[in-house]
Protein backbone atom coordinates (compact mmCIF):
# COMPACT_ATOMS: atom_id res chain seq x y z
CA MET A 1 -15.74 313.01 4.09
CA LYS A 2 -14.31 309.64 5.51
CA THR A 3 -11.29 311.57 6.20
CA LYS A 4 -13.00 314.18 8.46
CA SER A 5 -15.23 311.87 10.15
CA TYR A 6 -12.12 309.96 11.29
CA PHE A 7 -10.21 312.83 12.44
CA LEU A 8 -13.29 313.64 14.74
CA ILE A 9 -13.58 310.58 16.15
CA SER A 10 -9.92 310.57 16.81
CA THR A 11 -9.85 314.02 18.19
CA THR A 12 -12.63 313.35 20.25
CA CYS A 13 -11.36 310.14 21.76
CA ALA A 14 -8.10 311.87 22.13
CA CYS A 15 -9.41 314.68 24.44
CA ALA A 16 -11.73 311.89 26.38
CA ILE A 17 -8.48 310.28 27.03
CA PHE A 18 -6.70 313.17 28.02
CA LEU A 19 -9.65 314.34 30.49
CA ILE A 20 -9.95 310.86 32.20
CA ALA A 21 -6.02 310.96 32.73
CA SER A 22 -6.14 314.37 34.25
CA CYS A 23 -9.23 313.37 36.23
CA ILE A 24 -6.82 310.81 37.61
CA SER A 25 -4.57 312.73 39.65
CA ASN A 26 -1.97 311.89 42.42
CA THR A 27 -3.71 312.85 45.84
CA SER A 28 -0.26 313.87 47.49
CA SER A 29 -0.52 317.14 45.58
CA VAL A 30 -3.33 318.12 47.61
CA LYS A 31 -2.54 321.34 49.72
CA ILE A 32 -3.43 320.64 53.29
CA ASP A 33 -4.91 323.44 55.31
CA ARG A 34 -2.80 323.00 58.78
CA ASP A 35 -5.04 325.84 60.30
CA LYS A 36 -8.70 323.66 59.56
CA VAL A 37 -9.94 321.37 61.94
CA PRO A 38 -10.41 317.69 60.13
CA SER A 39 -14.07 317.11 59.36
CA GLN A 40 -13.31 313.72 61.16
CA ALA A 41 -12.04 315.26 64.63
CA ILE A 42 -14.17 314.55 67.54
CA SER A 43 -14.11 316.21 71.00
CA TYR A 44 -12.15 314.73 74.24
CA LYS A 45 -15.70 314.20 75.76
CA GLU A 46 -17.17 312.26 72.49
CA ALA A 47 -13.76 310.00 72.62
CA ASN A 48 -14.90 309.33 75.93
CA VAL A 49 -18.28 308.30 75.10
CA LEU A 50 -17.25 305.79 72.41
CA GLU A 51 -14.48 304.29 74.84
CA GLU A 52 -17.03 303.77 77.42
CA GLU A 53 -19.22 302.30 75.13
CA PHE A 54 -16.50 299.68 73.96
CA LYS A 55 -15.78 298.77 77.39
CA THR A 56 -19.26 297.75 78.50
CA THR A 57 -20.44 296.03 75.01
CA ARG A 58 -17.28 294.64 74.03
CA ALA A 59 -14.20 294.67 76.28
CA LYS A 60 -16.04 293.25 79.14
CA PHE A 61 -16.99 290.19 77.68
CA LEU A 62 -13.77 289.70 75.94
CA ASN A 63 -11.71 290.42 79.45
CA GLU A 64 -14.06 287.56 80.80
CA HIS A 65 -13.60 284.86 78.13
CA LEU A 66 -9.78 285.55 78.34
CA GLY A 67 -9.62 285.58 81.79
CA PHE A 68 -7.44 288.97 81.86
CA GLU A 69 -7.69 292.61 80.84
CA ASP A 70 -6.86 292.80 77.41
CA SER A 71 -5.16 295.81 75.92
CA ARG A 72 -7.74 298.26 73.86
CA GLU A 73 -5.42 301.50 73.50
CA PHE A 74 -2.44 301.33 71.46
CA LEU A 75 0.10 304.38 71.16
CA PHE A 76 2.29 305.06 67.94
CA SER A 77 4.86 307.97 68.39
CA LEU A 78 3.57 310.75 65.81
CA ASP A 79 7.09 310.48 64.18
CA SER A 80 7.03 307.00 63.44
CA LEU A 81 3.71 307.34 61.79
CA LYS A 82 4.93 310.11 59.71
CA GLN A 83 8.05 308.36 58.63
CA TYR A 84 5.66 305.40 57.70
CA ILE A 85 3.42 307.35 56.01
CA ALA A 86 6.10 309.02 53.84
CA PHE A 87 7.32 305.57 53.04
CA PHE A 88 3.84 304.34 52.08
CA GLU A 89 3.19 307.30 49.91
CA ARG A 90 6.65 307.24 48.09
CA GLU A 91 5.93 303.54 47.06
CA ALA A 92 2.25 303.67 46.39
CA LYS A 93 3.23 306.37 43.71
CA LYS A 94 5.99 304.32 42.35
CA GLN A 95 3.36 301.54 41.96
CA GLY A 96 0.32 303.65 40.79
CA TYR A 97 -1.75 304.00 43.16
CA THR A 98 -4.45 307.28 44.07
CA ASP A 99 -6.55 308.25 46.75
CA LEU A 100 -4.40 306.49 49.50
CA GLY A 101 -5.79 305.56 52.94
CA ILE A 102 -4.80 303.48 55.69
CA ARG A 103 -7.33 300.59 57.04
CA ILE A 104 -6.72 299.65 60.74
CA TYR A 105 -7.51 296.10 61.46
CA TYR A 106 -7.96 294.52 65.30
CA GLY A 107 -5.70 291.84 65.67
CA ALA A 108 -4.07 289.43 68.45
CA TYR A 109 -0.70 288.26 68.56
CA PRO A 110 -0.06 284.43 68.61
CA GLU A 111 1.31 282.59 72.17
CA SER A 112 5.06 282.78 70.77
CA LYS A 113 7.91 284.39 72.23
CA ASN A 114 8.34 285.96 68.50
CA TYR A 115 5.87 288.21 69.46
CA PRO A 116 6.19 291.27 72.05
CA ASP A 117 2.76 290.47 73.59
CA PRO A 118 1.84 286.98 73.12
CA GLY A 119 -2.07 286.16 73.28
CA ARG A 120 -2.71 289.90 73.87
CA ALA A 121 -4.54 292.32 71.11
CA THR A 122 -2.83 294.75 68.72
CA VAL A 123 -3.90 296.96 66.01
CA PHE A 124 -2.15 297.14 62.74
CA LEU A 125 -2.29 299.26 59.80
CA VAL A 126 -2.89 298.23 56.13
CA PRO A 127 -2.50 300.77 53.21
CA THR A 128 -5.03 301.24 50.58
CA GLY A 129 -5.29 302.78 47.43
CA ASN A 130 -7.18 303.04 43.86
CA LYS A 131 -4.76 301.88 40.92
CA VAL A 132 -6.08 302.19 37.56
CA LYS A 133 -5.83 299.21 35.47
CA SER A 134 -7.25 298.86 31.76
CA GLN A 135 -9.45 296.19 30.66
CA GLY A 136 -10.04 294.61 27.11
CA SER A 137 -12.20 296.47 24.78
CA ALA A 138 -13.61 296.43 21.24
CA LEU A 139 -12.51 299.83 20.97
CA PRO A 140 -8.70 300.84 19.87
CA PHE A 141 -7.86 301.59 23.29
CA ALA A 142 -8.77 300.10 26.47
CA MET A 143 -10.76 302.56 28.90
CA PRO A 144 -9.18 302.71 32.32
CA THR A 145 -11.17 300.84 35.08
CA ARG A 146 -10.68 302.16 38.87
CA ILE A 147 -10.31 299.88 41.86
CA VAL A 148 -11.79 301.03 44.92
CA ASP A 149 -9.98 300.89 48.28
CA ASP A 150 -7.74 297.91 47.42
CA ASN A 151 -5.51 296.71 50.12
CA ILE A 152 -2.17 297.24 48.76
CA GLU A 153 -0.22 293.67 49.34
CA SER A 154 2.95 294.89 48.06
CA ILE A 155 3.56 297.93 50.59
CA PRO A 156 4.29 296.33 54.26
CA GLY A 157 1.63 297.32 57.10
CA TYR A 158 2.59 298.83 60.26
CA ASN A 159 2.30 297.54 63.89
CA TYR A 160 4.10 297.27 67.17
CA GLY A 161 2.61 300.34 68.93
CA HIS A 162 2.78 300.40 72.54
CA ALA A 163 -0.02 298.59 74.40
CA GLY A 164 -1.75 299.71 77.81
CA LYS A 165 -1.14 296.77 80.02
CA PRO A 166 -3.48 297.26 81.83
CA PRO A 167 -5.52 299.73 79.50
CA ARG A 168 -5.30 303.30 80.23
CA GLU A 169 -8.63 305.10 80.99
CA LEU A 170 -9.46 307.75 78.49
CA ASP A 171 -11.26 309.83 81.10
C-alpha cells in the first residue's frame, strides 16, 4: 500500500513540475502578426494631444527653471533599435529571463564634456524580464517563484538617440 501511495504522490509531483515548467515558456517563440495593428498603437492626433499636454503641464515649467528649451523628443533609428532588441533577447535567454520588456526612463546628462548634450534631457531604455528562481521548501523539491518585471542589471541599457534642439513639434 505504501508503495502505491508513494508512486501516486511521485507521479503527481512529477506531472505538476512538468506542467509548471511548460507554462514558463520563452516569449521569443510568440508568433507576431505583422498585419495586425498593435493594441497600444495611438493615432497621430492622439499623439499630438499627449505632446501638447506635456508641453503645457511640464515642459513650460522645466524650461523656465532651466533657463533654456530642453529636449523633449528623441530619435533612435529603427535599425539600431532592432539590433539592441536582438542583443537583449539573446543575452536574456542565456540568463534564463522570460516575458521580456523595456522600461523607459527620463534622464539628464551631467554637465561634462564626456556626454553628447551636457545639461540636457535624455531617455534611456533598461531591459526587463521575469526569471524563475526557486525558494527553499519543506517539500523534497523547491517550488519555482516568479520575479515580475525585474530590471535586468546584467544586460546594458540603451541610450544616445538624437535629441531635438530645439524640440521638433509633433503638429
